[in-house]
C-alpha atoms as a PDB file:
ATOM      1  CA  GLN A   1      13.970 202.609 106.166  1.00  0.00           C
ATOM      2  CA  VAL A   2      17.405 203.901 105.230  1.00  0.00           C
ATOM      3  CA  GLN A   3      19.040 207.140 106.354  1.00  0.00           C
ATOM      4  CA  LEU A   4      21.911 208.575 104.317  1.00  0.00           C
ATOM      5  CA  VAL A   5      24.381 211.315 105.191  1.00  0.00           C
ATOM      6  CA  GLU A   6      26.946 212.625 102.699  1.00  0.00           C
ATOM      7  CA  SER A   7      30.205 214.376 103.484  1.00  0.00           C
ATOM      8  CA  GLY A   8      33.478 215.311 101.837  1.00  0.00           C
ATOM      9  CA  GLY A   9      32.450 218.047  99.441  1.00  0.00           C
ATOM     10  CA  GLY A  10      34.329 221.302  99.125  1.00  0.00           C
ATOM     11  CA  LEU A  11      36.031 223.857  96.911  1.00  0.00           C
ATOM     12  CA  VAL A  12      38.897 222.600  94.761  1.00  0.00           C
ATOM     13  CA  GLN A  13      40.863 223.825  91.771  1.00  0.00           C
ATOM     14  CA  ALA A  14      40.492 222.200  88.386  1.00  0.00           C
ATOM     15  CA  GLY A  15      42.484 218.986  88.266  1.00  0.00           C
ATOM     16  CA  GLY A  16      42.059 218.399  91.974  1.00  0.00           C
ATOM     17  CA  SER A  17      40.521 215.490  93.848  1.00  0.00           C
ATOM     18  CA  LEU A  18      38.011 214.811  96.588  1.00  0.00           C
ATOM     19  CA  ARG A  19      36.606 211.762  98.282  1.00  0.00           C
ATOM     20  CA  LEU A  20      32.905 211.898  98.972  1.00  0.00           C
ATOM     21  CA  SER A  21      31.443 209.628 101.628  1.00  0.00           C
ATOM     22  CA  CYS A  22      27.910 208.518 102.326  1.00  0.00           C
ATOM     23  CA  ALA A  23      27.134 206.874 105.650  1.00  0.00           C
ATOM     24  CA  ALA A  24      24.030 204.703 105.778  1.00  0.00           C
ATOM     25  CA  SER A  25      21.945 203.519 108.696  1.00  0.00           C
ATOM     26  CA  GLY A  26      18.780 201.528 109.091  1.00  0.00           C
ATOM     27  CA  ARG A  27      18.341 198.535 106.821  1.00  0.00           C
ATOM     28  CA  THR A  28      21.332 196.179 106.472  1.00  0.00           C
ATOM     29  CA  PHE A  29      23.708 198.029 104.137  1.00  0.00           C
ATOM     30  CA  SER A  30      24.989 194.992 102.256  1.00  0.00           C
ATOM     31  CA  THR A  31      21.497 194.109 100.999  1.00  0.00           C
ATOM     32  CA  TYR A  32      21.010 197.014  98.594  1.00  0.00           C
ATOM     33  CA  ALA A  33      22.738 198.909  95.818  1.00  0.00           C
ATOM     34  CA  MET A  34      23.933 202.484  96.091  1.00  0.00           C
ATOM     35  CA  GLY A  35      24.251 205.312  93.629  1.00  0.00           C
ATOM     36  CA  TRP A  36      25.647 208.818  93.310  1.00  0.00           C
ATOM     37  CA  PHE A  37      23.856 211.557  91.435  1.00  0.00           C
ATOM     38  CA  ARG A  38      24.578 215.232  90.996  1.00  0.00           C
ATOM     39  CA  GLN A  39      22.640 218.370  90.253  1.00  0.00           C
ATOM     40  CA  ALA A  40      24.156 221.548  88.902  1.00  0.00           C
ATOM     41  CA  PRO A  41      22.365 224.909  89.174  1.00  0.00           C
ATOM     42  CA  GLY A  42      19.543 225.132  86.661  1.00  0.00           C
ATOM     43  CA  LYS A  43      19.984 221.541  85.514  1.00  0.00           C
ATOM     44  CA  GLU A  44      18.253 218.254  86.201  1.00  0.00           C
ATOM     45  CA  ARG A  45      19.700 215.743  88.603  1.00  0.00           C
ATOM     46  CA  GLU A  46      21.850 213.247  86.709  1.00  0.00           C
ATOM     47  CA  PHE A  47      23.342 209.822  87.284  1.00  0.00           C
ATOM     48  CA  VAL A  48      27.038 209.670  88.155  1.00  0.00           C
ATOM     49  CA  ALA A  49      27.865 206.168  89.396  1.00  0.00           C
ATOM     50  CA  ALA A  50      26.373 203.117  91.073  1.00  0.00           C
ATOM     51  CA  ILE A  51      27.562 200.002  92.837  1.00  0.00           C
ATOM     52  CA  SER A  52      25.632 196.785  93.300  1.00  0.00           C
ATOM     53  CA  ARG A  53      25.430 194.568  96.366  1.00  0.00           C
ATOM     54  CA  ASN A  54      28.219 192.412  94.907  1.00  0.00           C
ATOM     55  CA  ASP A  55      30.426 195.360  93.857  1.00  0.00           C
ATOM     56  CA  MET A  56      29.508 195.653  90.199  1.00  0.00           C
ATOM     57  CA  THR A  57      30.086 199.277  89.209  1.00  0.00           C
ATOM     58  CA  TYR A  58      28.464 201.540  86.646  1.00  0.00           C
ATOM     59  CA  TYR A  59      29.458 205.025  85.516  1.00  0.00           C
ATOM     60  CA  ALA A  60      28.147 207.869  83.445  1.00  0.00           C
ATOM     61  CA  ASP A  61      30.240 208.436  80.346  1.00  0.00           C
ATOM     62  CA  SER A  62      31.154 211.913  81.540  1.00  0.00           C
ATOM     63  CA  VAL A  63      32.958 210.616  84.632  1.00  0.00           C
ATOM     64  CA  ARG A  64      34.243 207.178  83.609  1.00  0.00           C
ATOM     65  CA  GLY A  65      37.983 207.008  84.143  1.00  0.00           C
ATOM     66  CA  ARG A  66      37.996 209.956  86.567  1.00  0.00           C
ATOM     67  CA  PHE A  67      35.543 208.875  89.288  1.00  0.00           C
ATOM     68  CA  THR A  68      35.561 205.642  91.275  1.00  0.00           C
ATOM     69  CA  ILE A  69      32.704 204.320  93.382  1.00  0.00           C
ATOM     70  CA  SER A  70      33.334 201.819  96.159  1.00  0.00           C
ATOM     71  CA  ARG A  71      31.636 200.521  99.264  1.00  0.00           C
ATOM     72  CA  ASP A  72      32.699 199.270 102.691  1.00  0.00           C
ATOM     73  CA  ASN A  73      29.932 197.127 104.100  1.00  0.00           C
ATOM     74  CA  ALA A  74      31.671 196.889 107.482  1.00  0.00           C
ATOM     75  CA  LYS A  75      31.442 200.686 107.792  1.00  0.00           C
ATOM     76  CA  ASN A  76      28.041 201.040 106.103  1.00  0.00           C
ATOM     77  CA  THR A  77      29.598 203.569 103.779  1.00  0.00           C
ATOM     78  CA  VAL A  78      29.808 204.198 100.052  1.00  0.00           C
ATOM     79  CA  TYR A  79      32.527 206.383  98.600  1.00  0.00           C
ATOM     80  CA  LEU A  80      33.018 208.377  95.445  1.00  0.00           C
ATOM     81  CA  GLN A  81      36.628 209.192  94.648  1.00  0.00           C
ATOM     82  CA  VAL A  82      36.601 212.104  92.230  1.00  0.00           C
ATOM     83  CA  ASN A  83      39.820 212.879  90.392  1.00  0.00           C
ATOM     84  CA  GLY A  84      40.694 215.216  87.564  1.00  0.00           C
ATOM     85  CA  LEU A  85      37.904 217.577  88.521  1.00  0.00           C
ATOM     86  CA  LYS A  86      36.622 220.028  85.934  1.00  0.00           C
ATOM     87  CA  PRO A  87      34.541 223.184  86.426  1.00  0.00           C
ATOM     88  CA  GLU A  88      31.616 221.362  84.814  1.00  0.00           C
ATOM     89  CA  ASP A  89      31.699 218.856  87.704  1.00  0.00           C
ATOM     90  CA  THR A  90      30.460 221.623  90.003  1.00  0.00           C
ATOM     91  CA  ALA A  91      27.197 220.420  91.538  1.00  0.00           C
ATOM     92  CA  VAL A  92      25.501 219.140  94.646  1.00  0.00           C
ATOM     93  CA  TYR A  93      26.315 215.453  94.894  1.00  0.00           C
ATOM     94  CA  TYR A  94      23.707 213.103  96.346  1.00  0.00           C
ATOM     95  CA  CYS A  95      23.945 209.496  97.383  1.00  0.00           C
ATOM     96  CA  ALA A  96      20.905 207.292  97.082  1.00  0.00           C
ATOM     97  CA  ALA A  97      19.839 203.762  97.981  1.00  0.00           C
ATOM     98  CA  LEU A  98      18.282 201.354  95.509  1.00  0.00           C
ATOM     99  CA  THR A  99      16.544 198.828  97.740  1.00  0.00           C
ATOM    100  CA  ARG A 100      14.268 197.253  95.120  1.00  0.00           C
ATOM    101  CA  ALA A 101      14.464 196.275  91.463  1.00  0.00           C
ATOM    102  CA  GLY A 102      15.416 199.127  89.177  1.00  0.00           C
ATOM    103  CA  THR A 103      17.921 200.534  86.731  1.00  0.00           C
ATOM    104  CA  TRP A 104      21.195 202.037  87.860  1.00  0.00           C
ATOM    105  CA  TYR A 105      20.863 205.341  86.060  1.00  0.00           C
ATOM    106  CA  ASN A 106      17.184 206.047  86.744  1.00  0.00           C
ATOM    107  CA  LEU A 107      16.871 208.341  89.729  1.00  0.00           C
ATOM    108  CA  ARG A 108      13.156 207.542  90.027  1.00  0.00           C
ATOM    109  CA  ASP A 109      14.030 203.957  90.987  1.00  0.00           C
ATOM    110  CA  TYR A 110      16.025 205.068  94.036  1.00  0.00           C
ATOM    111  CA  ASP A 111      13.916 205.238  97.162  1.00  0.00           C
ATOM    112  CA  TYR A 112      16.162 206.900  99.769  1.00  0.00           C
ATOM    113  CA  TRP A 113      18.294 210.017  99.365  1.00  0.00           C
ATOM    114  CA  GLY A 114      20.823 211.956 101.357  1.00  0.00           C
ATOM    115  CA  GLN A 115      20.803 215.721 101.776  1.00  0.00           C
ATOM    116  CA  GLY A 116      23.674 216.320  99.358  1.00  0.00           C
ATOM    117  CA  THR A 117      27.178 217.717  99.553  1.00  0.00           C
ATOM    118  CA  GLN A 118      28.422 220.648  97.480  1.00  0.00           C
ATOM    119  CA  VAL A 119      31.391 220.238  95.150  1.00  0.00           C
ATOM    120  CA  THR A 120      32.714 223.419  93.571  1.00  0.00           C
ATOM    121  CA  VAL A 121      35.552 223.340  91.049  1.00  0.00           C
ATOM    122  CA  SER A 122      37.311 226.586  90.203  1.00  0.00           C
ATOM    123  CA  SER A 123      39.086 227.114  86.914  1.00  0.00           C
END
């Protein structure tokens, strides 16, 4: 079992930055991969970024170069640094744990989810 709690969302102006955090508990954090997804109103949840157990990173094309995913195994935490925010980045951001074999971008392969944190970008 893995429990995930996100924090760090908020309201920012276009061009601004935030750092989202996701604290994990339960199973040993360093043994599984982590991902960030987001869901905007009226849209499907979509892949944003993922990081493997050995720090390989993967990004959606829409955020590559603006967002950075990282993890601190000593703190059982994964981060998403979001820079250059655009109004279209407005969404609820979720972290998720990939504890078994799967593909980085496929939300159905992730087996534990946090409750989400709202990011709102004003123009």
